[in-house]
Amino acid sequence: MEWVELVLDKLGEVIEMQSPGTISWRYVEIENWLLVAPCPLELVGGADDGESVFPFYTLHVSQLIEIFDEAPEVYWETMRHELSVEGIIDGEDAWITFSRDPFDDDEPEDVLDPKGGIRKKKPPAE
């Protein structure tokens, strides 16, 4: 799973936020799969008070793929609005999926703030 830490560190350099917000992520160990998605925000005040929106971001793919051992497979799936990158990082299989839309759950635990690194959004349940 060391490759996941490398990717998360790199994302701080290669994601450019186009609006306020953060990026959430999930790791599925059984599939060596890292999922990345914008984190939803709730509007406060005005006619849209309480409405959920999500931030927009730019991913500099050419800079991200520099951490792969060799050129990865990169593909865009229009049905799900996802970009996937698959290859080898430090000798380990790596699969990363970037989604245009937030995850289905309301409050992600792990977020990546391109300005401040990885943070736990919620403290672990006791």
N, C-alpha and C. Protein backbone atom coordinates (compact mmCIF):
# COMPACT_ATOMS: atom_id res chain seq x y z
N MET A 1 0.82 -1.20 0.00
CA MET A 1 0.00 0.00 0.00
C MET A 1 0.86 1.27 0.00
N GLU A 2 2.17 1.11 -0.05
CA GLU A 2 3.03 2.30 -0.07
C GLU A 2 2.76 3.18 -1.28
N TRP A 3 2.34 2.56 -2.38
CA TRP A 3 2.06 3.35 -3.58
C TRP A 3 0.93 4.34 -3.34
N VAL A 4 -0.02 4.00 -2.47
CA VAL A 4 -1.15 4.90 -2.19
C VAL A 4 -0.63 6.19 -1.56
N GLU A 5 0.30 6.07 -0.62
CA GLU A 5 0.88 7.26 0.02
C GLU A 5 1.61 8.11 -1.02
N LEU A 6 2.32 7.46 -1.94
CA LEU A 6 3.01 8.21 -3.00
C LEU A 6 2.01 8.99 -3.86
N VAL A 7 0.91 8.33 -4.20
CA VAL A 7 -0.12 8.97 -5.03
C VAL A 7 -0.75 10.13 -4.27
N LEU A 8 -1.12 9.92 -3.02
CA LEU A 8 -1.75 10.99 -2.24
C LEU A 8 -0.83 12.19 -2.10
N ASP A 9 0.46 11.94 -1.88
CA ASP A 9 1.42 13.04 -1.81
C ASP A 9 1.48 13.79 -3.14
N LYS A 10 1.50 13.04 -4.23
CA LYS A 10 1.58 13.64 -5.56
C LYS A 10 0.32 14.43 -5.91
N LEU A 11 -0.84 13.94 -5.45
CA LEU A 11 -2.10 14.64 -5.75
C LEU A 11 -2.09 16.07 -5.23
N GLY A 12 -1.40 16.30 -4.12
CA GLY A 12 -1.28 17.66 -3.61
C GLY A 12 -0.60 18.59 -4.61
N GLU A 13 0.21 18.03 -5.49
CA GLU A 13 0.92 18.82 -6.51
C GLU A 13 0.16 18.91 -7.82
N VAL A 14 -0.62 17.86 -8.15
CA VAL A 14 -1.18 17.77 -9.50
C VAL A 14 -2.68 18.09 -9.58
N ILE A 15 -3.31 18.33 -8.43
CA ILE A 15 -4.72 18.76 -8.44
C ILE A 15 -4.79 20.24 -8.19
N GLU A 16 -5.49 20.91 -9.06
CA GLU A 16 -5.70 22.35 -8.94
C GLU A 16 -7.19 22.59 -8.72
N MET A 17 -7.53 23.08 -7.54
CA MET A 17 -8.93 23.32 -7.22
C MET A 17 -9.44 24.53 -8.02
N GLN A 18 -10.61 24.39 -8.61
CA GLN A 18 -11.22 25.45 -9.40
C GLN A 18 -12.29 26.20 -8.59
N SER A 19 -12.58 25.69 -7.40
CA SER A 19 -13.55 26.31 -6.50
C SER A 19 -13.20 25.85 -5.09
N PRO A 20 -13.77 26.47 -4.05
CA PRO A 20 -13.48 26.04 -2.69
C PRO A 20 -13.88 24.58 -2.47
N GLY A 21 -13.14 23.89 -1.62
CA GLY A 21 -13.48 22.52 -1.30
C GLY A 21 -12.27 21.63 -1.17
N THR A 22 -12.55 20.35 -0.95
CA THR A 22 -11.51 19.35 -0.79
C THR A 22 -11.84 18.12 -1.64
N ILE A 23 -10.92 17.19 -1.66
CA ILE A 23 -11.05 15.95 -2.41
C ILE A 23 -11.09 14.81 -1.39
N SER A 24 -12.02 13.87 -1.55
CA SER A 24 -12.07 12.70 -0.66
C SER A 24 -11.51 11.49 -1.41
N TRP A 25 -11.11 10.48 -0.63
CA TRP A 25 -10.54 9.28 -1.24
C TRP A 25 -10.89 8.05 -0.43
N ARG A 26 -10.86 6.92 -1.11
CA ARG A 26 -11.10 5.60 -0.50
C ARG A 26 -10.07 4.64 -1.10
N TYR A 27 -9.65 3.68 -0.29
CA TYR A 27 -8.74 2.65 -0.79
C TYR A 27 -9.39 1.29 -0.58
N VAL A 28 -9.50 0.51 -1.66
CA VAL A 28 -10.06 -0.84 -1.61
C VAL A 28 -8.89 -1.80 -1.72
N GLU A 29 -8.46 -2.30 -0.57
CA GLU A 29 -7.23 -3.10 -0.50
C GLU A 29 -7.29 -4.36 -1.35
N ILE A 30 -8.41 -5.05 -1.33
CA ILE A 30 -8.52 -6.32 -2.05
C ILE A 30 -8.29 -6.16 -3.56
N GLU A 31 -8.54 -4.97 -4.08
CA GLU A 31 -8.37 -4.73 -5.52
C GLU A 31 -7.21 -3.78 -5.83
N ASN A 32 -6.47 -3.36 -4.79
CA ASN A 32 -5.42 -2.35 -4.99
C ASN A 32 -5.95 -1.14 -5.76
N TRP A 33 -7.06 -0.61 -5.27
CA TRP A 33 -7.81 0.41 -5.99
C TRP A 33 -7.99 1.64 -5.13
N LEU A 34 -7.51 2.77 -5.62
CA LEU A 34 -7.67 4.05 -4.95
C LEU A 34 -8.72 4.86 -5.71
N LEU A 35 -9.78 5.26 -5.01
CA LEU A 35 -10.85 6.06 -5.62
C LEU A 35 -10.75 7.48 -5.10
N VAL A 36 -10.87 8.44 -5.99
CA VAL A 36 -10.73 9.86 -5.65
C VAL A 36 -11.96 10.60 -6.19
N ALA A 37 -12.55 11.47 -5.35
CA ALA A 37 -13.76 12.20 -5.75
C ALA A 37 -13.83 13.54 -5.02
N PRO A 38 -14.54 14.51 -5.59
CA PRO A 38 -14.72 15.78 -4.87
C PRO A 38 -15.59 15.57 -3.63
N CYS A 39 -15.34 16.36 -2.62
CA CYS A 39 -16.07 16.26 -1.36
C CYS A 39 -17.25 17.26 -1.39
N PRO A 40 -18.48 16.81 -1.10
CA PRO A 40 -19.62 17.71 -1.16
C PRO A 40 -19.55 18.83 -0.13
N LEU A 41 -20.13 19.97 -0.48
CA LEU A 41 -20.22 21.13 0.39
C LEU A 41 -21.68 21.53 0.49
N GLU A 42 -22.05 22.12 1.61
CA GLU A 42 -23.42 22.61 1.77
C GLU A 42 -23.41 24.13 1.70
N LEU A 43 -24.26 24.69 0.83
CA LEU A 43 -24.36 26.14 0.71
C LEU A 43 -25.04 26.72 1.95
N VAL A 44 -24.55 27.88 2.38
CA VAL A 44 -25.11 28.54 3.54
C VAL A 44 -25.55 29.94 3.13
N GLY A 45 -26.84 30.23 3.35
CA GLY A 45 -27.38 31.55 3.04
C GLY A 45 -27.88 31.65 1.61
N GLY A 46 -28.69 32.64 1.37
CA GLY A 46 -29.21 32.89 0.02
C GLY A 46 -30.32 31.95 -0.37
N ALA A 47 -30.72 32.03 -1.62
CA ALA A 47 -31.85 31.25 -2.13
C ALA A 47 -31.56 29.75 -2.15
N ASP A 48 -30.28 29.37 -2.22
CA ASP A 48 -29.91 27.96 -2.29
C ASP A 48 -29.41 27.41 -0.95
N ASP A 49 -29.74 28.07 0.15
CA ASP A 49 -29.29 27.66 1.48
C ASP A 49 -29.59 26.19 1.74
N GLY A 50 -28.57 25.45 2.18
CA GLY A 50 -28.74 24.03 2.49
C GLY A 50 -28.54 23.09 1.32
N GLU A 51 -28.43 23.63 0.12
CA GLU A 51 -28.25 22.79 -1.06
C GLU A 51 -26.82 22.24 -1.09
N SER A 52 -26.67 21.00 -1.54
CA SER A 52 -25.37 20.36 -1.62
C SER A 52 -24.77 20.57 -3.01
N VAL A 53 -23.52 20.98 -3.03
CA VAL A 53 -22.77 21.18 -4.27
C VAL A 53 -21.41 20.50 -4.09
N PHE A 54 -20.66 20.38 -5.16
CA PHE A 54 -19.32 19.85 -5.02
C PHE A 54 -18.34 20.70 -5.81
N PRO A 55 -17.07 20.74 -5.34
CA PRO A 55 -16.07 21.58 -5.99
C PRO A 55 -15.62 20.99 -7.32
N PHE A 56 -15.10 21.85 -8.15
CA PHE A 56 -14.51 21.45 -9.42
C PHE A 56 -13.00 21.48 -9.27
N TYR A 57 -12.33 20.59 -9.99
CA TYR A 57 -10.88 20.56 -9.92
C TYR A 57 -10.29 20.16 -11.26
N THR A 58 -9.02 20.51 -11.45
CA THR A 58 -8.26 20.11 -12.62
C THR A 58 -7.20 19.14 -12.17
N LEU A 59 -7.07 18.03 -12.89
CA LEU A 59 -6.05 17.03 -12.61
C LEU A 59 -5.02 17.09 -13.74
N HIS A 60 -3.78 17.34 -13.40
CA HIS A 60 -2.70 17.37 -14.39
C HIS A 60 -2.17 15.94 -14.55
N VAL A 61 -2.78 15.21 -15.46
CA VAL A 61 -2.52 13.78 -15.64
C VAL A 61 -1.06 13.51 -16.00
N SER A 62 -0.48 14.31 -16.87
CA SER A 62 0.89 14.05 -17.30
C SER A 62 1.87 14.10 -16.13
N GLN A 63 1.59 14.94 -15.15
CA GLN A 63 2.45 15.01 -13.96
C GLN A 63 2.19 13.83 -13.02
N LEU A 64 0.95 13.38 -12.94
CA LEU A 64 0.62 12.23 -12.09
C LEU A 64 1.30 10.96 -12.59
N ILE A 65 1.27 10.73 -13.89
CA ILE A 65 1.79 9.46 -14.41
C ILE A 65 3.32 9.36 -14.31
N GLU A 66 3.98 10.46 -13.94
CA GLU A 66 5.43 10.42 -13.74
C GLU A 66 5.83 9.47 -12.61
N ILE A 67 4.93 9.19 -11.66
CA ILE A 67 5.28 8.32 -10.52
C ILE A 67 5.15 6.83 -10.86
N PHE A 68 4.61 6.51 -12.03
CA PHE A 68 4.49 5.12 -12.45
C PHE A 68 5.83 4.61 -12.97
N ASP A 69 6.08 3.31 -12.78
CA ASP A 69 7.33 2.70 -13.22
C ASP A 69 7.48 2.76 -14.74
N GLU A 70 6.36 2.61 -15.44
CA GLU A 70 6.32 2.73 -16.91
C GLU A 70 4.98 3.34 -17.27
N ALA A 71 4.80 3.69 -18.52
CA ALA A 71 3.55 4.35 -18.94
C ALA A 71 2.34 3.52 -18.55
N PRO A 72 1.41 4.10 -17.76
CA PRO A 72 0.22 3.37 -17.34
C PRO A 72 -0.86 3.40 -18.41
N GLU A 73 -1.85 2.55 -18.23
CA GLU A 73 -3.06 2.56 -19.05
C GLU A 73 -3.95 3.68 -18.50
N VAL A 74 -4.40 4.57 -19.37
CA VAL A 74 -5.27 5.69 -18.95
C VAL A 74 -6.52 5.65 -19.81
N TYR A 75 -7.69 5.67 -19.17
CA TYR A 75 -8.92 5.66 -19.95
C TYR A 75 -10.02 6.45 -19.24
N TRP A 76 -10.93 6.98 -20.06
CA TRP A 76 -12.06 7.79 -19.61
C TRP A 76 -13.34 7.01 -19.86
N GLU A 77 -14.17 6.88 -18.85
CA GLU A 77 -15.45 6.18 -18.99
C GLU A 77 -16.57 7.22 -18.95
N THR A 78 -17.19 7.46 -20.08
CA THR A 78 -18.20 8.52 -20.17
C THR A 78 -19.48 8.18 -19.43
N MET A 79 -19.83 6.92 -19.34
CA MET A 79 -21.07 6.54 -18.67
C MET A 79 -21.04 6.91 -17.18
N ARG A 80 -19.89 6.73 -16.55
CA ARG A 80 -19.76 7.01 -15.12
C ARG A 80 -19.00 8.30 -14.83
N HIS A 81 -18.53 8.97 -15.86
CA HIS A 81 -17.74 10.21 -15.71
C HIS A 81 -16.51 9.98 -14.84
N GLU A 82 -15.73 8.95 -15.21
CA GLU A 82 -14.54 8.59 -14.44
C GLU A 82 -13.32 8.45 -15.33
N LEU A 83 -12.20 8.88 -14.79
CA LEU A 83 -10.90 8.70 -15.41
C LEU A 83 -10.16 7.66 -14.60
N SER A 84 -9.64 6.62 -15.25
CA SER A 84 -8.89 5.58 -14.54
C SER A 84 -7.46 5.52 -15.06
N VAL A 85 -6.55 5.25 -14.14
CA VAL A 85 -5.13 5.10 -14.45
C VAL A 85 -4.69 3.79 -13.80
N GLU A 86 -4.16 2.86 -14.62
CA GLU A 86 -3.72 1.57 -14.11
C GLU A 86 -2.30 1.29 -14.55
N GLY A 87 -1.49 0.81 -13.60
CA GLY A 87 -0.11 0.48 -13.93
C GLY A 87 0.64 -0.01 -12.71
N ILE A 88 1.95 0.21 -12.72
CA ILE A 88 2.83 -0.25 -11.65
C ILE A 88 3.52 0.97 -11.03
N ILE A 89 3.45 1.05 -9.69
CA ILE A 89 4.15 2.09 -8.94
C ILE A 89 5.03 1.40 -7.91
N ASP A 90 6.33 1.64 -7.96
CA ASP A 90 7.29 0.99 -7.06
C ASP A 90 7.10 -0.52 -7.02
N GLY A 91 6.87 -1.12 -8.19
CA GLY A 91 6.74 -2.56 -8.30
C GLY A 91 5.40 -3.13 -7.87
N GLU A 92 4.46 -2.27 -7.47
CA GLU A 92 3.13 -2.74 -7.03
C GLU A 92 2.07 -2.36 -8.05
N ASP A 93 1.08 -3.26 -8.25
CA ASP A 93 -0.06 -2.94 -9.10
C ASP A 93 -0.82 -1.77 -8.48
N ALA A 94 -1.19 -0.82 -9.31
CA ALA A 94 -1.92 0.36 -8.84
C ALA A 94 -3.06 0.67 -9.79
N TRP A 95 -4.23 0.95 -9.22
CA TRP A 95 -5.41 1.32 -10.00
C TRP A 95 -6.01 2.54 -9.31
N ILE A 96 -6.11 3.64 -10.03
CA ILE A 96 -6.64 4.89 -9.48
C ILE A 96 -7.81 5.33 -10.35
N THR A 97 -8.92 5.66 -9.71
CA THR A 97 -10.09 6.16 -10.43
C THR A 97 -10.46 7.53 -9.88
N PHE A 98 -10.60 8.48 -10.79
CA PHE A 98 -11.02 9.84 -10.44
C PHE A 98 -12.45 10.03 -10.92
N SER A 99 -13.32 10.41 -10.00
CA SER A 99 -14.73 10.61 -10.34
C SER A 99 -15.04 12.09 -10.44
N ARG A 100 -15.95 12.42 -11.33
CA ARG A 100 -16.43 13.80 -11.45
C ARG A 100 -17.36 14.14 -10.29
N ASP A 101 -18.09 13.14 -9.78
CA ASP A 101 -19.09 13.34 -8.74
C ASP A 101 -18.60 12.83 -7.39
N PRO A 102 -19.15 13.37 -6.30
CA PRO A 102 -18.77 12.90 -4.96
C PRO A 102 -19.18 11.45 -4.72
N PHE A 103 -18.59 10.85 -3.69
CA PHE A 103 -19.02 9.52 -3.25
C PHE A 103 -20.45 9.62 -2.75
N ASP A 104 -21.13 8.48 -2.68
CA ASP A 104 -22.53 8.46 -2.27
C ASP A 104 -22.74 8.78 -0.79
N ASP A 105 -21.77 8.44 0.06
CA ASP A 105 -21.96 8.71 1.49
C ASP A 105 -21.84 10.20 1.79
N ASP A 106 -22.47 10.62 2.88
CA ASP A 106 -22.55 12.05 3.19
C ASP A 106 -21.25 12.65 3.70
N GLU A 107 -20.59 11.98 4.62
CA GLU A 107 -19.43 12.56 5.28
C GLU A 107 -18.20 11.66 5.14
N PRO A 108 -17.34 11.93 4.18
CA PRO A 108 -16.13 11.11 4.05
C PRO A 108 -15.20 11.33 5.24
N GLU A 109 -14.47 10.29 5.62
CA GLU A 109 -13.52 10.42 6.71
C GLU A 109 -12.20 11.02 6.24
N ASP A 110 -11.74 10.59 5.08
CA ASP A 110 -10.43 11.01 4.60
C ASP A 110 -10.57 12.03 3.48
N VAL A 111 -9.88 13.14 3.62
CA VAL A 111 -9.91 14.15 2.58
C VAL A 111 -8.50 14.59 2.24
N LEU A 112 -8.33 15.05 1.04
CA LEU A 112 -7.07 15.60 0.58
C LEU A 112 -7.34 17.06 0.25
N ASP A 113 -6.72 17.92 1.00
CA ASP A 113 -6.82 19.34 0.72
C ASP A 113 -5.53 19.71 0.01
N PRO A 114 -5.60 20.02 -1.29
CA PRO A 114 -4.38 20.31 -2.03
C PRO A 114 -3.51 21.39 -1.39
N LYS A 115 -4.09 22.20 -0.53
CA LYS A 115 -3.32 23.24 0.15
C LYS A 115 -2.72 22.74 1.46
N GLY A 116 -3.31 21.66 2.04
CA GLY A 116 -2.86 21.25 3.36
C GLY A 116 -2.59 19.78 3.55
N GLY A 117 -2.61 18.98 2.50
CA GLY A 117 -2.31 17.56 2.63
C GLY A 117 -3.50 16.73 3.04
N ILE A 118 -3.23 15.53 3.53
CA ILE A 118 -4.27 14.57 3.90
C ILE A 118 -4.75 14.89 5.31
N ARG A 119 -6.07 14.86 5.48
CA ARG A 119 -6.65 15.09 6.80
C ARG A 119 -7.76 14.10 7.05
N LYS A 120 -7.96 13.78 8.30
CA LYS A 120 -9.13 13.01 8.71
C LYS A 120 -10.23 14.03 8.95
N LYS A 121 -11.32 13.90 8.24
CA LYS A 121 -12.41 14.85 8.37
C LYS A 121 -13.20 14.62 9.66
N LYS A 122 -13.42 13.35 10.00
CA LYS A 122 -14.14 13.03 11.23
C LYS A 122 -13.24 12.22 12.14
N PRO A 123 -13.31 12.44 13.45
CA PRO A 123 -12.54 11.57 14.35
C PRO A 123 -13.12 10.15 14.31
N PRO A 124 -12.29 9.12 14.52
CA PRO A 124 -12.81 7.76 14.51
C PRO A 124 -13.86 7.56 15.60
N ALA A 125 -14.87 6.73 15.30
CA ALA A 125 -15.92 6.44 16.28
C ALA A 125 -15.33 5.64 17.43
N GLU A 126 -15.78 5.94 18.63
CA GLU A 126 -15.28 5.22 19.81
C GLU A 126 -16.26 4.19 20.27
